N, C-alpha and C. Protein backbone atom coordinates (compact mmCIF):
# COMPACT_ATOMS: atom_id res chain seq x y z
N MET A 1 -2.85 -15.57 1.13
CA MET A 1 -3.51 -14.68 2.07
C MET A 1 -2.88 -14.88 3.44
N ASN A 2 -2.38 -13.80 4.03
CA ASN A 2 -1.78 -13.82 5.35
C ASN A 2 -2.82 -13.43 6.38
N VAL A 3 -3.11 -14.35 7.30
CA VAL A 3 -4.26 -14.21 8.20
C VAL A 3 -3.84 -14.39 9.66
N LEU A 4 -4.22 -13.44 10.50
CA LEU A 4 -4.02 -13.59 11.93
C LEU A 4 -5.19 -14.40 12.49
N LEU A 5 -4.86 -15.46 13.19
CA LEU A 5 -5.88 -16.30 13.82
C LEU A 5 -6.08 -15.85 15.25
N ASP A 6 -7.29 -15.49 15.58
CA ASP A 6 -7.63 -15.12 16.95
C ASP A 6 -7.42 -16.34 17.84
N THR A 7 -7.14 -16.09 19.09
CA THR A 7 -6.88 -17.15 20.06
C THR A 7 -8.02 -18.17 20.09
N ASN A 8 -9.26 -17.70 19.95
CA ASN A 8 -10.38 -18.65 20.05
C ASN A 8 -10.37 -19.68 18.92
N ILE A 9 -9.89 -19.30 17.75
CA ILE A 9 -9.83 -20.24 16.62
C ILE A 9 -8.84 -21.36 16.93
N VAL A 10 -7.69 -21.00 17.45
CA VAL A 10 -6.65 -21.98 17.77
C VAL A 10 -7.10 -22.88 18.92
N LEU A 11 -7.68 -22.28 19.95
CA LEU A 11 -8.15 -23.09 21.08
C LEU A 11 -9.27 -24.04 20.70
N ASP A 12 -10.12 -23.63 19.76
CA ASP A 12 -11.19 -24.54 19.31
C ASP A 12 -10.60 -25.87 18.85
N VAL A 13 -9.50 -25.79 18.11
CA VAL A 13 -8.87 -27.01 17.59
C VAL A 13 -8.12 -27.74 18.69
N LEU A 14 -7.31 -27.03 19.43
CA LEU A 14 -6.49 -27.68 20.46
C LEU A 14 -7.32 -28.38 21.52
N LEU A 15 -8.48 -27.78 21.86
CA LEU A 15 -9.32 -28.34 22.92
C LEU A 15 -10.57 -29.02 22.38
N ASN A 16 -10.66 -29.16 21.06
CA ASN A 16 -11.80 -29.83 20.42
C ASN A 16 -13.13 -29.24 20.93
N ARG A 17 -13.22 -27.92 20.91
CA ARG A 17 -14.40 -27.25 21.45
C ARG A 17 -15.55 -27.30 20.44
N GLN A 18 -16.62 -27.92 20.89
CA GLN A 18 -17.81 -28.08 20.05
C GLN A 18 -18.73 -26.88 20.26
N PRO A 19 -19.44 -26.44 19.28
CA PRO A 19 -19.51 -26.93 17.90
C PRO A 19 -18.53 -26.21 16.98
N PHE A 20 -17.60 -25.46 17.54
CA PHE A 20 -16.75 -24.56 16.76
C PHE A 20 -15.59 -25.26 16.07
N VAL A 21 -15.22 -26.44 16.54
CA VAL A 21 -14.00 -27.09 16.07
C VAL A 21 -14.02 -27.38 14.57
N THR A 22 -15.16 -27.65 14.01
CA THR A 22 -15.21 -28.03 12.59
C THR A 22 -14.70 -26.91 11.69
N GLU A 23 -15.24 -25.71 11.83
CA GLU A 23 -14.78 -24.59 11.00
C GLU A 23 -13.36 -24.19 11.36
N SER A 24 -13.03 -24.18 12.63
CA SER A 24 -11.69 -23.80 13.05
C SER A 24 -10.66 -24.80 12.52
N LYS A 25 -11.00 -26.07 12.53
CA LYS A 25 -10.11 -27.09 12.01
C LYS A 25 -9.92 -26.91 10.50
N SER A 26 -10.96 -26.50 9.80
CA SER A 26 -10.85 -26.23 8.36
C SER A 26 -9.90 -25.07 8.09
N ILE A 27 -9.92 -24.07 8.95
CA ILE A 27 -9.00 -22.94 8.81
C ILE A 27 -7.57 -23.40 9.07
N TRP A 28 -7.38 -24.19 10.11
CA TRP A 28 -6.06 -24.72 10.42
C TRP A 28 -5.57 -25.56 9.23
N GLN A 29 -6.46 -26.36 8.66
CA GLN A 29 -6.09 -27.20 7.51
C GLN A 29 -5.71 -26.33 6.31
N ALA A 30 -6.42 -25.22 6.11
CA ALA A 30 -6.07 -24.30 5.03
C ALA A 30 -4.65 -23.78 5.21
N ASN A 31 -4.25 -23.56 6.45
CA ASN A 31 -2.88 -23.17 6.74
C ASN A 31 -1.92 -24.31 6.38
N ASP A 32 -2.25 -25.51 6.81
CA ASP A 32 -1.39 -26.67 6.52
C ASP A 32 -1.28 -26.91 5.02
N ASP A 33 -2.34 -26.61 4.28
CA ASP A 33 -2.37 -26.82 2.82
C ASP A 33 -1.84 -25.62 2.04
N ASP A 34 -1.30 -24.63 2.75
CA ASP A 34 -0.75 -23.42 2.13
C ASP A 34 -1.77 -22.60 1.35
N LYS A 35 -3.03 -22.70 1.72
CA LYS A 35 -4.06 -21.82 1.13
C LYS A 35 -4.05 -20.47 1.83
N ILE A 36 -3.62 -20.47 3.08
CA ILE A 36 -3.38 -19.24 3.84
C ILE A 36 -2.05 -19.42 4.56
N THR A 37 -1.50 -18.31 5.01
CA THR A 37 -0.39 -18.36 5.95
C THR A 37 -0.94 -17.84 7.26
N GLY A 38 -0.98 -18.71 8.24
CA GLY A 38 -1.54 -18.37 9.54
C GLY A 38 -0.52 -17.73 10.46
N TYR A 39 -0.93 -16.64 11.07
CA TYR A 39 -0.12 -15.91 12.05
C TYR A 39 -0.87 -15.91 13.37
N ILE A 40 -0.12 -15.91 14.46
CA ILE A 40 -0.70 -15.67 15.78
C ILE A 40 0.21 -14.68 16.51
N ALA A 41 -0.40 -13.91 17.39
CA ALA A 41 0.38 -12.99 18.22
C ALA A 41 1.14 -13.80 19.27
N ALA A 42 2.32 -13.32 19.63
CA ALA A 42 3.12 -14.00 20.65
C ALA A 42 2.32 -14.19 21.94
N THR A 43 1.49 -13.22 22.28
CA THR A 43 0.69 -13.33 23.50
C THR A 43 -0.36 -14.44 23.41
N THR A 44 -0.73 -14.82 22.21
CA THR A 44 -1.66 -15.93 22.04
C THR A 44 -1.07 -17.20 22.64
N LEU A 45 0.23 -17.38 22.50
CA LEU A 45 0.87 -18.58 23.05
C LEU A 45 0.80 -18.62 24.56
N THR A 46 0.96 -17.48 25.21
CA THR A 46 0.87 -17.48 26.67
C THR A 46 -0.56 -17.76 27.12
N ASN A 47 -1.52 -17.21 26.38
CA ASN A 47 -2.93 -17.47 26.70
C ASN A 47 -3.28 -18.94 26.48
N ILE A 48 -2.80 -19.52 25.39
CA ILE A 48 -3.05 -20.93 25.10
C ILE A 48 -2.45 -21.80 26.20
N PHE A 49 -1.22 -21.51 26.57
CA PHE A 49 -0.58 -22.30 27.62
C PHE A 49 -1.40 -22.25 28.91
N PHE A 50 -1.80 -21.06 29.31
CA PHE A 50 -2.57 -20.88 30.54
C PHE A 50 -3.88 -21.65 30.49
N ILE A 51 -4.61 -21.52 29.40
CA ILE A 51 -5.94 -22.16 29.30
C ILE A 51 -5.82 -23.67 29.17
N VAL A 52 -4.94 -24.14 28.32
CA VAL A 52 -4.79 -25.60 28.15
C VAL A 52 -4.28 -26.24 29.43
N ARG A 53 -3.37 -25.59 30.14
CA ARG A 53 -2.88 -26.15 31.40
C ARG A 53 -4.01 -26.31 32.41
N LYS A 54 -4.91 -25.31 32.47
CA LYS A 54 -6.04 -25.40 33.40
C LYS A 54 -7.00 -26.54 33.02
N VAL A 55 -7.19 -26.72 31.72
CA VAL A 55 -8.16 -27.70 31.23
C VAL A 55 -7.57 -29.11 31.15
N ALA A 56 -6.32 -29.21 30.68
CA ALA A 56 -5.79 -30.53 30.34
C ALA A 56 -4.45 -30.87 30.99
N GLY A 57 -3.85 -29.93 31.69
CA GLY A 57 -2.59 -30.22 32.37
C GLY A 57 -1.37 -29.67 31.67
N LEU A 58 -0.26 -29.71 32.40
CA LEU A 58 1.00 -29.13 31.96
C LEU A 58 1.54 -29.78 30.69
N LYS A 59 1.53 -31.08 30.63
CA LYS A 59 2.07 -31.79 29.46
C LYS A 59 1.34 -31.37 28.18
N ASP A 60 0.02 -31.32 28.23
CA ASP A 60 -0.77 -30.91 27.07
C ASP A 60 -0.55 -29.44 26.74
N ALA A 61 -0.36 -28.61 27.75
CA ALA A 61 -0.12 -27.18 27.52
C ALA A 61 1.20 -26.99 26.77
N ARG A 62 2.23 -27.69 27.19
CA ARG A 62 3.52 -27.59 26.50
C ARG A 62 3.40 -28.11 25.07
N ALA A 63 2.67 -29.20 24.89
CA ALA A 63 2.49 -29.76 23.54
C ALA A 63 1.71 -28.79 22.66
N ALA A 64 0.72 -28.11 23.22
CA ALA A 64 -0.08 -27.15 22.45
C ALA A 64 0.79 -26.00 21.96
N VAL A 65 1.67 -25.50 22.83
CA VAL A 65 2.57 -24.42 22.42
C VAL A 65 3.48 -24.90 21.30
N ARG A 66 4.02 -26.10 21.42
CA ARG A 66 4.92 -26.63 20.40
C ARG A 66 4.19 -26.77 19.06
N VAL A 67 2.97 -27.28 19.09
CA VAL A 67 2.18 -27.43 17.85
C VAL A 67 1.99 -26.06 17.19
N CYS A 68 1.68 -25.06 17.97
CA CYS A 68 1.47 -23.71 17.42
C CYS A 68 2.76 -23.13 16.86
N LEU A 69 3.86 -23.33 17.57
CA LEU A 69 5.15 -22.83 17.07
C LEU A 69 5.51 -23.48 15.74
N ASP A 70 5.16 -24.75 15.59
CA ASP A 70 5.44 -25.45 14.34
C ASP A 70 4.49 -25.06 13.22
N ALA A 71 3.27 -24.66 13.56
CA ALA A 71 2.23 -24.44 12.55
C ALA A 71 2.14 -23.00 12.05
N PHE A 72 2.43 -22.03 12.90
CA PHE A 72 2.11 -20.65 12.58
C PHE A 72 3.32 -19.72 12.64
N VAL A 73 3.20 -18.61 11.94
CA VAL A 73 4.17 -17.52 12.04
C VAL A 73 3.78 -16.72 13.29
N ILE A 74 4.76 -16.33 14.07
CA ILE A 74 4.50 -15.62 15.32
C ILE A 74 4.75 -14.12 15.11
N CYS A 75 3.74 -13.32 15.43
CA CYS A 75 3.86 -11.87 15.38
C CYS A 75 4.45 -11.37 16.70
N ALA A 76 5.44 -10.53 16.59
CA ALA A 76 6.05 -9.96 17.80
C ALA A 76 5.07 -9.05 18.52
N VAL A 77 5.12 -9.12 19.82
CA VAL A 77 4.37 -8.18 20.65
C VAL A 77 5.41 -7.36 21.38
N ASP A 78 5.73 -6.23 20.77
CA ASP A 78 6.76 -5.35 21.30
C ASP A 78 6.13 -4.02 21.71
N ARG A 79 6.96 -3.10 22.12
CA ARG A 79 6.45 -1.81 22.58
C ARG A 79 5.57 -1.10 21.55
N PRO A 80 5.98 -1.01 20.27
CA PRO A 80 5.11 -0.35 19.29
C PRO A 80 3.73 -1.03 19.18
N ALA A 81 3.71 -2.36 19.21
CA ALA A 81 2.42 -3.06 19.14
C ALA A 81 1.57 -2.75 20.36
N LEU A 82 2.18 -2.76 21.52
CA LEU A 82 1.43 -2.48 22.75
C LEU A 82 0.95 -1.04 22.81
N GLU A 83 1.78 -0.12 22.35
CA GLU A 83 1.36 1.28 22.33
C GLU A 83 0.22 1.51 21.34
N MET A 84 0.29 0.85 20.18
CA MET A 84 -0.81 0.95 19.22
C MET A 84 -2.08 0.37 19.82
N ALA A 85 -1.97 -0.79 20.45
CA ALA A 85 -3.13 -1.45 21.06
C ALA A 85 -3.76 -0.58 22.14
N GLU A 86 -2.93 0.07 22.92
CA GLU A 86 -3.43 0.90 24.01
C GLU A 86 -4.22 2.10 23.48
N GLN A 87 -3.91 2.55 22.29
CA GLN A 87 -4.59 3.70 21.69
C GLN A 87 -5.89 3.32 20.98
N LEU A 88 -6.08 2.05 20.70
CA LEU A 88 -7.29 1.63 19.99
C LEU A 88 -8.51 1.70 20.91
N PRO A 89 -9.67 2.00 20.35
CA PRO A 89 -10.90 2.00 21.17
C PRO A 89 -11.28 0.56 21.51
N GLY A 90 -12.22 0.44 22.38
CA GLY A 90 -12.70 -0.89 22.75
C GLY A 90 -12.25 -1.24 24.15
N ASN A 91 -12.86 -2.28 24.68
CA ASN A 91 -12.57 -2.64 26.08
C ASN A 91 -11.80 -3.95 26.22
N ASP A 92 -11.32 -4.52 25.10
CA ASP A 92 -10.59 -5.79 25.18
C ASP A 92 -9.16 -5.56 24.68
N PHE A 93 -8.25 -5.40 25.62
CA PHE A 93 -6.86 -5.13 25.26
C PHE A 93 -6.25 -6.28 24.48
N GLU A 94 -6.61 -7.51 24.82
CA GLU A 94 -6.08 -8.67 24.10
C GLU A 94 -6.43 -8.58 22.61
N ASP A 95 -7.68 -8.28 22.31
CA ASP A 95 -8.08 -8.13 20.90
C ASP A 95 -7.34 -6.97 20.26
N ASN A 96 -7.17 -5.87 20.98
CA ASN A 96 -6.44 -4.73 20.43
C ASN A 96 -4.98 -5.08 20.13
N VAL A 97 -4.37 -5.89 20.96
CA VAL A 97 -3.00 -6.33 20.69
C VAL A 97 -2.96 -7.14 19.40
N GLN A 98 -3.94 -7.98 19.21
CA GLN A 98 -3.98 -8.78 17.98
C GLN A 98 -4.21 -7.89 16.75
N ILE A 99 -5.08 -6.88 16.89
CA ILE A 99 -5.29 -5.92 15.80
C ILE A 99 -3.97 -5.21 15.47
N ALA A 100 -3.28 -4.76 16.50
CA ALA A 100 -2.01 -4.07 16.30
C ALA A 100 -1.00 -4.98 15.61
N CYS A 101 -0.92 -6.22 16.03
CA CYS A 101 0.01 -7.17 15.39
C CYS A 101 -0.33 -7.35 13.92
N ALA A 102 -1.60 -7.51 13.61
CA ALA A 102 -2.01 -7.69 12.22
C ALA A 102 -1.70 -6.45 11.40
N THR A 103 -1.92 -5.28 11.97
CA THR A 103 -1.67 -4.02 11.27
C THR A 103 -0.18 -3.82 11.02
N ILE A 104 0.61 -3.96 12.05
CA ILE A 104 2.06 -3.74 11.94
C ILE A 104 2.69 -4.75 10.98
N THR A 105 2.20 -5.97 10.99
CA THR A 105 2.76 -7.02 10.14
C THR A 105 2.23 -6.92 8.72
N GLY A 106 1.18 -6.13 8.51
CA GLY A 106 0.62 -5.96 7.17
C GLY A 106 -0.18 -7.15 6.69
N LEU A 107 -0.89 -7.79 7.61
CA LEU A 107 -1.66 -8.99 7.26
C LEU A 107 -2.92 -8.63 6.49
N THR A 108 -3.39 -9.58 5.70
CA THR A 108 -4.56 -9.41 4.85
C THR A 108 -5.85 -9.41 5.66
N ALA A 109 -5.90 -10.24 6.71
CA ALA A 109 -7.16 -10.43 7.42
C ALA A 109 -6.92 -10.97 8.82
N ILE A 110 -7.99 -10.89 9.61
CA ILE A 110 -8.06 -11.50 10.93
C ILE A 110 -9.26 -12.42 10.89
N VAL A 111 -9.13 -13.61 11.47
CA VAL A 111 -10.28 -14.50 11.58
C VAL A 111 -10.57 -14.76 13.06
N THR A 112 -11.85 -14.59 13.42
CA THR A 112 -12.26 -14.71 14.81
C THR A 112 -13.72 -15.14 14.87
N ARG A 113 -14.08 -15.76 15.97
CA ARG A 113 -15.51 -16.06 16.20
C ARG A 113 -16.23 -14.88 16.83
N ASP A 114 -15.48 -13.89 17.30
CA ASP A 114 -16.08 -12.73 17.98
C ASP A 114 -15.67 -11.45 17.26
N LYS A 115 -16.32 -11.15 16.16
CA LYS A 115 -15.98 -9.97 15.38
C LYS A 115 -16.21 -8.67 16.13
N THR A 116 -17.08 -8.68 17.14
CA THR A 116 -17.37 -7.45 17.88
C THR A 116 -16.13 -6.91 18.58
N GLY A 117 -15.17 -7.77 18.90
CA GLY A 117 -13.95 -7.32 19.55
C GLY A 117 -12.94 -6.70 18.59
N PHE A 118 -13.27 -6.72 17.30
CA PHE A 118 -12.30 -6.28 16.30
C PHE A 118 -12.83 -5.13 15.44
N THR A 119 -13.75 -4.36 15.99
CA THR A 119 -14.35 -3.27 15.21
C THR A 119 -13.34 -2.17 14.90
N ALA A 120 -12.26 -2.06 15.66
CA ALA A 120 -11.25 -1.03 15.42
C ALA A 120 -10.24 -1.45 14.35
N ALA A 121 -10.35 -2.66 13.86
CA ALA A 121 -9.37 -3.15 12.88
C ALA A 121 -9.54 -2.46 11.54
N THR A 122 -8.43 -2.08 10.95
CA THR A 122 -8.45 -1.58 9.58
C THR A 122 -8.25 -2.73 8.60
N THR A 123 -7.82 -3.85 9.11
CA THR A 123 -7.67 -5.09 8.35
C THR A 123 -9.04 -5.75 8.26
N THR A 124 -9.31 -6.45 7.18
CA THR A 124 -10.57 -7.19 7.04
C THR A 124 -10.69 -8.23 8.15
N VAL A 125 -11.86 -8.31 8.76
CA VAL A 125 -12.11 -9.28 9.83
C VAL A 125 -13.18 -10.24 9.34
N TYR A 126 -12.86 -11.52 9.40
CA TYR A 126 -13.78 -12.56 8.96
C TYR A 126 -14.18 -13.45 10.13
N ALA A 127 -15.42 -13.90 10.11
CA ALA A 127 -15.82 -15.05 10.92
C ALA A 127 -15.26 -16.28 10.19
N PRO A 128 -15.12 -17.40 10.86
CA PRO A 128 -14.54 -18.57 10.20
C PRO A 128 -15.25 -18.95 8.88
N ASP A 129 -16.57 -18.99 8.88
CA ASP A 129 -17.28 -19.38 7.66
C ASP A 129 -17.06 -18.37 6.54
N GLU A 130 -16.90 -17.10 6.88
CA GLU A 130 -16.67 -16.06 5.87
C GLU A 130 -15.29 -16.22 5.24
N LEU A 131 -14.31 -16.57 6.05
CA LEU A 131 -12.97 -16.79 5.49
C LEU A 131 -12.95 -18.03 4.62
N LEU A 132 -13.59 -19.08 5.06
CA LEU A 132 -13.54 -20.34 4.32
C LEU A 132 -14.09 -20.20 2.90
N VAL A 133 -15.12 -19.37 2.71
CA VAL A 133 -15.67 -19.21 1.36
C VAL A 133 -14.76 -18.36 0.48
N GLN A 134 -13.80 -17.66 1.06
CA GLN A 134 -12.84 -16.87 0.30
C GLN A 134 -11.70 -17.70 -0.25
N LEU A 135 -11.53 -18.91 0.25
CA LEU A 135 -10.37 -19.72 -0.10
C LEU A 135 -10.62 -20.54 -1.36
N PRO A 136 -9.54 -20.78 -2.10
CA PRO A 136 -9.66 -21.60 -3.32
C PRO A 136 -10.00 -23.04 -3.02
């Protein structure tokens, strides 16, 4: 199963955000165990760097980006993705970019803690607990 991980799922693990880290860590582990193939949008890395740098400093921000580059497949955010995102309904462009990346890449699902931001997705959208019960 090829799954786009929303930024919040990745940040939960990187920043040990309670109480979300447990399920998010299980999803990350499913990626490590090849039960899923985890994808993130290229823009997720810039958001992670920005947030981790504010919370934990430059060294940790660089390490977080490296961990993500090693762990996940990166979806390109190019003009077609941005144009598709701009045409999607909703008020969160970041979520729309992730929807566009998942659609263009032909991913099976998106996993997020905030499904309300992904109502325009034609791809299946799971909350973390919903995805975990789908896995072998």
